[in-house]
Amino acid sequence: MRHAVIAAMACAAFAAACKTTPPSKYYTLDMTPSGTAVPDYGIEVQRIRSAEPLARRDILVKTSPTEIEYYALDQWSADPGLLVAEKLQAEFGHRTDAEKQVRLTGQLLAFEQQDTPGGPAARVKLNLEFRTADRDLYDDPLLKKTYEIELPAASPGPGGVVRALSQAIERIAAEIVADADALE
């Protein structure tokens, strides 16, 4: 009888602990085109891979130059590389009828909250390769470039950082269009 009472109390304590755990929150980038990166030709984002620390859905926080951690309950809705590819494509639009077609592949090297003395900032580092439609994925790219940007978050916490990361990708998209303009 005594064991049954102890087991019932343990179950009740476990159930109470489960009820007090807050639910996870899921985030995505703002996929609304900003209108700042509209090329006169087609740009197709073929694939952006995430570097190892970003290959999970947890939102990364760089607390110092040598330390990282992740938000416990705040996560991306999908792999960050997929979200960045989708955001870039939303910025460029779909111009499959244009004569000039540029294809992008790359790797997302940083996509994180950076803790700074001035408060949290969003940091993006994206390595891209540019090829025209007549080049195969295994051909040398016409251009290889790394884009890096850090923007202050308007508010602390993951929501403010996610908004700043969306804005950072919009700015990178405008730089990509300018670089693709020079490709022949």
Protein backbone atom coordinates (compact mmCIF):
# COMPACT_ATOMS: atom_id res chain seq x y z
CA MET A 1 0.00 0.00 0.00
CA ARG A 2 2.80 2.36 0.93
CA HIS A 3 4.48 1.84 -2.46
CA ALA A 4 1.23 2.66 -4.25
CA VAL A 5 0.93 5.96 -2.35
CA ILE A 6 4.54 6.90 -3.13
CA ALA A 7 4.05 6.01 -6.81
CA ALA A 8 0.86 8.08 -6.97
CA MET A 9 2.61 11.07 -5.38
CA ALA A 10 5.53 10.75 -7.81
CA CYS A 11 3.15 10.65 -10.77
CA ALA A 12 1.29 13.70 -9.49
CA ALA A 13 4.56 15.61 -9.01
CA PHE A 14 5.72 14.67 -12.50
CA ALA A 15 2.40 15.74 -14.04
CA ALA A 16 2.53 19.07 -12.18
CA ALA A 17 6.09 19.68 -13.41
CA CYS A 18 5.04 18.98 -16.99
CA LYS A 19 2.22 21.51 -16.77
CA THR A 20 4.57 24.31 -15.69
CA THR A 21 6.96 23.93 -18.64
CA PRO A 22 6.22 26.72 -21.11
CA PRO A 23 5.56 25.70 -24.72
CA SER A 24 8.17 26.09 -27.43
CA LYS A 25 7.93 29.06 -29.80
CA TYR A 26 8.73 28.73 -33.48
CA TYR A 27 10.08 31.50 -35.71
CA THR A 28 10.51 32.11 -39.41
CA LEU A 29 11.85 35.03 -41.39
CA ASP A 30 9.53 37.73 -42.72
CA MET A 31 8.99 36.45 -46.27
CA THR A 32 7.35 39.68 -47.46
CA PRO A 33 9.53 41.13 -50.26
CA SER A 34 11.06 44.45 -49.23
CA GLY A 35 11.23 45.74 -52.81
CA THR A 36 14.90 46.70 -52.47
CA ALA A 37 16.32 43.82 -54.55
CA VAL A 38 14.36 43.54 -57.79
CA PRO A 39 16.63 42.47 -60.66
CA ASP A 40 15.83 42.88 -64.38
CA TYR A 41 16.75 39.21 -64.85
CA GLY A 42 16.14 35.93 -63.11
CA ILE A 43 17.97 34.90 -59.96
CA GLU A 44 17.34 31.39 -58.73
CA VAL A 45 18.48 30.33 -55.27
CA GLN A 46 19.27 26.67 -55.78
CA ARG A 47 20.59 25.63 -52.38
CA ILE A 48 22.02 27.12 -49.22
CA ARG A 49 23.50 24.64 -46.76
CA SER A 50 23.80 25.45 -43.08
CA ALA A 51 27.16 25.16 -41.33
CA GLU A 52 27.28 22.55 -38.56
CA PRO A 53 26.35 24.83 -35.59
CA LEU A 54 23.32 26.05 -37.57
CA ALA A 55 22.16 22.65 -38.77
CA ARG A 56 19.70 22.40 -35.90
CA ARG A 57 16.50 24.37 -35.44
CA ASP A 58 17.52 26.02 -32.17
CA ILE A 59 18.29 29.73 -32.43
CA LEU A 60 22.01 30.24 -31.85
CA VAL A 61 23.32 32.89 -29.46
CA LYS A 62 26.99 33.84 -29.60
CA THR A 63 27.66 35.02 -26.04
CA SER A 64 31.39 35.71 -26.53
CA PRO A 65 34.00 35.26 -29.25
CA THR A 66 34.51 31.67 -28.07
CA GLU A 67 31.15 30.62 -26.61
CA ILE A 68 27.78 29.78 -28.10
CA GLU A 69 24.51 28.62 -26.64
CA TYR A 70 20.99 28.11 -27.92
CA TYR A 71 17.62 29.39 -26.77
CA ALA A 72 15.96 26.61 -24.80
CA LEU A 73 12.40 27.00 -26.09
CA ASP A 74 12.72 29.25 -29.15
CA GLN A 75 13.36 27.48 -32.46
CA TRP A 76 13.33 28.01 -36.20
CA SER A 77 10.37 26.54 -38.06
CA ALA A 78 12.80 24.93 -40.55
CA ASP A 79 16.51 24.62 -41.23
CA PRO A 80 18.00 28.15 -41.30
CA GLY A 81 19.59 27.53 -44.73
CA LEU A 82 16.16 26.76 -46.17
CA LEU A 83 14.65 29.86 -44.56
CA VAL A 84 17.42 32.09 -45.96
CA ALA A 85 17.03 30.57 -49.44
CA GLU A 86 13.27 31.15 -49.31
CA LYS A 87 13.71 34.75 -48.10
CA LEU A 88 16.25 35.53 -50.82
CA GLN A 89 13.97 34.05 -53.49
CA ALA A 90 11.09 36.15 -52.17
CA GLU A 91 13.30 39.24 -52.48
CA PHE A 92 14.37 38.41 -56.07
CA GLY A 93 11.00 37.20 -57.33
CA HIS A 94 10.62 34.60 -60.06
CA ARG A 95 11.67 35.85 -63.51
CA THR A 96 11.96 32.63 -65.51
CA ASP A 97 11.19 34.45 -68.78
CA ALA A 98 14.22 36.76 -68.59
CA GLU A 99 17.12 36.17 -70.98
CA LYS A 100 19.76 36.40 -68.24
CA GLN A 101 19.49 33.79 -65.49
CA VAL A 102 21.79 33.66 -62.45
CA ARG A 103 21.90 30.68 -60.11
CA LEU A 104 23.09 30.86 -56.52
CA THR A 105 24.41 28.13 -54.26
CA GLY A 106 26.20 28.55 -50.99
CA GLN A 107 26.64 28.01 -47.32
CA LEU A 108 25.21 29.86 -44.35
CA LEU A 109 28.17 30.34 -41.99
CA ALA A 110 26.55 32.54 -39.31
CA PHE A 111 22.90 33.22 -38.56
CA GLU A 112 22.72 34.17 -34.94
CA GLN A 113 22.16 36.52 -32.09
CA GLN A 114 25.42 38.22 -31.20
CA ASP A 115 25.61 39.52 -27.65
CA THR A 116 27.40 42.88 -27.79
CA PRO A 117 28.07 45.58 -25.17
CA GLY A 118 25.31 47.65 -26.83
CA GLY A 119 22.78 44.82 -26.63
CA PRO A 120 21.77 41.95 -28.89
CA ALA A 121 22.54 42.12 -32.59
CA ALA A 122 21.70 39.91 -35.56
CA ARG A 123 24.71 38.55 -37.44
CA VAL A 124 24.65 36.88 -40.85
CA LYS A 125 27.58 35.47 -42.80
CA LEU A 126 26.71 33.91 -46.15
CA ASN A 127 29.15 32.44 -48.67
CA LEU A 128 27.69 32.34 -52.20
CA GLU A 129 28.69 31.11 -55.64
CA PHE A 130 27.20 32.70 -58.77
CA ARG A 131 26.69 30.78 -62.03
CA THR A 132 24.72 31.63 -65.14
CA ALA A 133 22.17 29.17 -66.55
CA ASP A 134 24.67 27.86 -69.12
CA ARG A 135 27.03 26.65 -66.37
CA ASP A 136 26.74 23.39 -64.52
CA LEU A 137 26.89 23.15 -60.74
CA TYR A 138 30.32 21.50 -61.08
CA ASP A 139 31.75 24.27 -63.30
CA ASP A 140 33.78 26.98 -61.66
CA PRO A 141 31.55 29.82 -60.47
CA LEU A 142 31.71 33.21 -62.15
CA LEU A 143 31.87 34.81 -58.72
CA LYS A 144 32.43 33.60 -55.17
CA LYS A 145 31.69 36.09 -52.44
CA THR A 146 31.07 36.14 -48.71
CA TYR A 147 28.45 38.55 -47.40
CA GLU A 148 28.56 39.54 -43.77
CA ILE A 149 26.36 41.94 -41.86
CA GLU A 150 25.53 42.75 -38.26
CA LEU A 151 22.44 44.77 -37.32
CA PRO A 152 21.27 45.77 -33.84
CA ALA A 153 18.08 44.13 -32.65
CA ALA A 154 15.30 46.62 -31.90
CA SER A 155 14.31 44.61 -28.83
CA PRO A 156 15.93 41.93 -26.69
CA GLY A 157 14.96 38.30 -27.05
CA PRO A 158 14.47 36.06 -30.03
CA GLY A 159 11.64 38.05 -31.62
CA GLY A 160 13.76 41.19 -31.99
CA VAL A 161 16.71 39.22 -33.31
CA VAL A 162 14.58 37.35 -35.86
CA ARG A 163 13.23 40.66 -37.21
CA ALA A 164 16.81 41.99 -37.49
CA LEU A 165 17.91 38.78 -39.26
CA SER A 166 15.11 39.29 -41.82
CA GLN A 167 16.32 42.85 -42.43
CA ALA A 168 19.92 41.64 -42.74
CA ILE A 169 18.93 39.19 -45.49
CA GLU A 170 17.08 41.99 -47.30
CA ARG A 171 20.26 44.09 -47.31
CA ILE A 172 22.35 41.15 -48.50
CA ALA A 173 19.81 40.54 -51.30
CA ALA A 174 20.36 44.10 -52.57
CA GLU A 175 24.15 43.51 -52.58
CA ILE A 176 23.65 40.22 -54.46
CA VAL A 177 21.65 41.99 -57.19
CA ALA A 178 24.39 44.61 -57.57
CA ASP A 179 27.04 41.87 -57.86
CA ALA A 180 24.96 39.81 -60.30
CA ASP A 181 24.49 42.90 -62.50
CA ALA A 182 28.21 42.79 -63.27
CA LEU A 183 28.17 39.15 -64.40
CA GLU A 184 28.37 38.45 -68.13
